[in-house]
Amino acid sequence: MYNIEVLEKKRLEKGLSYTEIADRLGIHKVTVSRTLKGITMKPRTVKLLADHLGVEMNRIVQ
């Protein structure tokens, strides 16, 4: 399981919208939104978001 709140907090700190992140990563904004809200948590997407937001995976994995 993942502690997604860490990613959402970092997104807000950086002032990034779901659309901005999606555009930069080449994924759909719904995928970003659902992942950061904890609705869906595919490991590949979580890792991609963590890397983009500068969050170590050990802070997310529970």
N, C-alpha and C. Protein backbone atom coordinates (compact mmCIF):
# COMPACT_ATOMS: atom_id res chain seq x y z
N MET A 1 0.84 -1.18 0.00
CA MET A 1 0.00 0.00 0.00
C MET A 1 0.89 1.25 0.00
N TYR A 2 0.32 2.34 -0.45
CA TYR A 2 1.08 3.58 -0.58
C TYR A 2 0.49 4.70 0.28
N ASN A 3 1.36 5.55 0.75
CA ASN A 3 0.98 6.76 1.49
C ASN A 3 0.91 7.90 0.47
N ILE A 4 -0.17 7.95 -0.29
CA ILE A 4 -0.33 8.88 -1.39
C ILE A 4 -0.39 10.34 -0.92
N GLU A 5 -0.79 10.56 0.32
CA GLU A 5 -0.91 11.93 0.82
C GLU A 5 0.40 12.70 0.68
N VAL A 6 1.51 12.00 0.77
CA VAL A 6 2.82 12.64 0.63
C VAL A 6 2.95 13.26 -0.76
N LEU A 7 2.50 12.54 -1.77
CA LEU A 7 2.58 13.06 -3.14
C LEU A 7 1.65 14.24 -3.35
N GLU A 8 0.44 14.14 -2.85
CA GLU A 8 -0.52 15.23 -3.01
C GLU A 8 -0.02 16.49 -2.30
N LYS A 9 0.55 16.33 -1.13
CA LYS A 9 1.10 17.47 -0.39
C LYS A 9 2.23 18.13 -1.18
N LYS A 10 3.10 17.32 -1.75
CA LYS A 10 4.22 17.85 -2.54
C LYS A 10 3.71 18.55 -3.80
N ARG A 11 2.65 18.02 -4.43
CA ARG A 11 2.06 18.66 -5.60
C ARG A 11 1.56 20.06 -5.24
N LEU A 12 0.87 20.14 -4.12
CA LEU A 12 0.34 21.43 -3.67
C LEU A 12 1.45 22.41 -3.32
N GLU A 13 2.50 21.92 -2.67
CA GLU A 13 3.65 22.77 -2.32
C GLU A 13 4.29 23.37 -3.57
N LYS A 14 4.34 22.58 -4.63
CA LYS A 14 4.95 23.04 -5.88
C LYS A 14 3.99 23.85 -6.74
N GLY A 15 2.72 23.88 -6.33
CA GLY A 15 1.73 24.64 -7.07
C GLY A 15 1.39 24.08 -8.44
N LEU A 16 1.44 22.76 -8.56
CA LEU A 16 1.18 22.10 -9.84
C LEU A 16 -0.25 21.58 -9.92
N SER A 17 -0.87 21.74 -11.07
CA SER A 17 -2.20 21.17 -11.29
C SER A 17 -2.05 19.75 -11.83
N TYR A 18 -3.14 19.02 -11.77
CA TYR A 18 -3.14 17.67 -12.34
C TYR A 18 -2.81 17.73 -13.82
N THR A 19 -3.35 18.72 -14.51
CA THR A 19 -3.13 18.87 -15.95
C THR A 19 -1.67 19.15 -16.26
N GLU A 20 -1.03 20.02 -15.47
CA GLU A 20 0.39 20.32 -15.69
C GLU A 20 1.24 19.06 -15.53
N ILE A 21 0.98 18.30 -14.49
CA ILE A 21 1.74 17.08 -14.26
C ILE A 21 1.50 16.09 -15.39
N ALA A 22 0.25 15.92 -15.76
CA ALA A 22 -0.11 14.98 -16.83
C ALA A 22 0.59 15.36 -18.14
N ASP A 23 0.57 16.63 -18.47
CA ASP A 23 1.22 17.08 -19.71
C ASP A 23 2.71 16.81 -19.68
N ARG A 24 3.34 17.07 -18.57
CA ARG A 24 4.79 16.86 -18.44
C ARG A 24 5.17 15.39 -18.52
N LEU A 25 4.29 14.53 -17.99
CA LEU A 25 4.60 13.10 -17.95
C LEU A 25 4.03 12.32 -19.13
N GLY A 26 3.18 12.97 -19.92
CA GLY A 26 2.60 12.29 -21.07
C GLY A 26 1.54 11.27 -20.69
N ILE A 27 0.82 11.53 -19.60
CA ILE A 27 -0.26 10.65 -19.19
C ILE A 27 -1.53 11.48 -19.05
N HIS A 28 -2.66 10.83 -18.91
CA HIS A 28 -3.94 11.53 -18.84
C HIS A 28 -4.12 12.16 -17.46
N LYS A 29 -4.75 13.33 -17.43
CA LYS A 29 -4.93 14.02 -16.15
C LYS A 29 -5.84 13.24 -15.20
N VAL A 30 -6.75 12.44 -15.74
CA VAL A 30 -7.60 11.61 -14.89
C VAL A 30 -6.76 10.56 -14.15
N THR A 31 -5.75 10.05 -14.82
CA THR A 31 -4.84 9.09 -14.19
C THR A 31 -4.12 9.75 -13.02
N VAL A 32 -3.63 10.97 -13.23
CA VAL A 32 -2.95 11.71 -12.17
C VAL A 32 -3.92 11.97 -11.01
N SER A 33 -5.09 12.45 -11.34
CA SER A 33 -6.09 12.78 -10.32
C SER A 33 -6.47 11.55 -9.50
N ARG A 34 -6.81 10.47 -10.16
CA ARG A 34 -7.22 9.25 -9.44
C ARG A 34 -6.10 8.68 -8.59
N THR A 35 -4.87 8.79 -9.07
CA THR A 35 -3.74 8.27 -8.29
C THR A 35 -3.52 9.14 -7.05
N LEU A 36 -3.52 10.46 -7.24
CA LEU A 36 -3.24 11.35 -6.10
C LEU A 36 -4.40 11.43 -5.12
N LYS A 37 -5.56 10.98 -5.51
CA LYS A 37 -6.70 10.90 -4.60
C LYS A 37 -6.81 9.52 -3.96
N GLY A 38 -5.92 8.60 -4.36
CA GLY A 38 -5.90 7.26 -3.79
C GLY A 38 -6.97 6.34 -4.33
N ILE A 39 -7.58 6.70 -5.45
CA ILE A 39 -8.62 5.85 -6.04
C ILE A 39 -8.00 4.66 -6.75
N THR A 40 -6.99 4.93 -7.57
CA THR A 40 -6.23 3.85 -8.22
C THR A 40 -4.76 4.09 -7.92
N MET A 41 -4.03 3.01 -7.70
CA MET A 41 -2.63 3.16 -7.35
C MET A 41 -1.78 2.10 -8.05
N LYS A 42 -1.61 2.27 -9.35
CA LYS A 42 -0.74 1.37 -10.10
C LYS A 42 0.71 1.71 -9.76
N PRO A 43 1.50 0.71 -9.44
CA PRO A 43 2.89 0.96 -9.02
C PRO A 43 3.68 1.82 -10.01
N ARG A 44 3.52 1.58 -11.31
CA ARG A 44 4.27 2.34 -12.30
C ARG A 44 3.90 3.82 -12.24
N THR A 45 2.61 4.12 -12.10
CA THR A 45 2.16 5.51 -12.04
C THR A 45 2.61 6.19 -10.76
N VAL A 46 2.53 5.48 -9.65
CA VAL A 46 2.98 6.04 -8.37
C VAL A 46 4.47 6.39 -8.46
N LYS A 47 5.26 5.50 -9.01
CA LYS A 47 6.71 5.73 -9.16
C LYS A 47 6.98 6.91 -10.07
N LEU A 48 6.25 7.00 -11.17
CA LEU A 48 6.40 8.10 -12.11
C LEU A 48 6.10 9.44 -11.43
N LEU A 49 5.02 9.49 -10.68
CA LEU A 49 4.64 10.71 -9.97
C LEU A 49 5.66 11.05 -8.87
N ALA A 50 6.09 10.05 -8.14
CA ALA A 50 7.07 10.28 -7.08
C ALA A 50 8.36 10.86 -7.65
N ASP A 51 8.83 10.27 -8.74
CA ASP A 51 10.06 10.77 -9.37
C ASP A 51 9.88 12.21 -9.84
N HIS A 52 8.75 12.48 -10.46
CA HIS A 52 8.50 13.83 -10.99
C HIS A 52 8.40 14.86 -9.87
N LEU A 53 7.80 14.47 -8.75
CA LEU A 53 7.61 15.41 -7.64
C LEU A 53 8.81 15.45 -6.69
N GLY A 54 9.78 14.58 -6.92
CA GLY A 54 10.98 14.57 -6.09
C GLY A 54 10.78 13.95 -4.72
N VAL A 55 9.95 12.90 -4.67
CA VAL A 55 9.66 12.22 -3.42
C VAL A 55 10.27 10.81 -3.48
N GLU A 56 11.02 10.45 -2.47
CA GLU A 56 11.62 9.11 -2.39
C GLU A 56 10.54 8.07 -2.18
N MET A 57 10.64 6.94 -2.86
CA MET A 57 9.65 5.88 -2.74
C MET A 57 9.54 5.34 -1.31
N ASN A 58 10.63 5.37 -0.55
CA ASN A 58 10.56 4.86 0.82
C ASN A 58 9.66 5.72 1.71
N ARG A 59 9.35 6.96 1.28
CA ARG A 59 8.40 7.81 2.03
C ARG A 59 6.97 7.48 1.69
N ILE A 60 6.77 6.74 0.60
CA ILE A 60 5.42 6.44 0.13
C ILE A 60 4.98 5.03 0.45
N VAL A 61 5.90 4.08 0.34
CA VAL A 61 5.56 2.67 0.55
C VAL A 61 5.34 2.43 2.04
N GLN A 62 4.20 1.81 2.36
CA GLN A 62 3.88 1.51 3.76
C GLN A 62 4.09 0.05 4.04
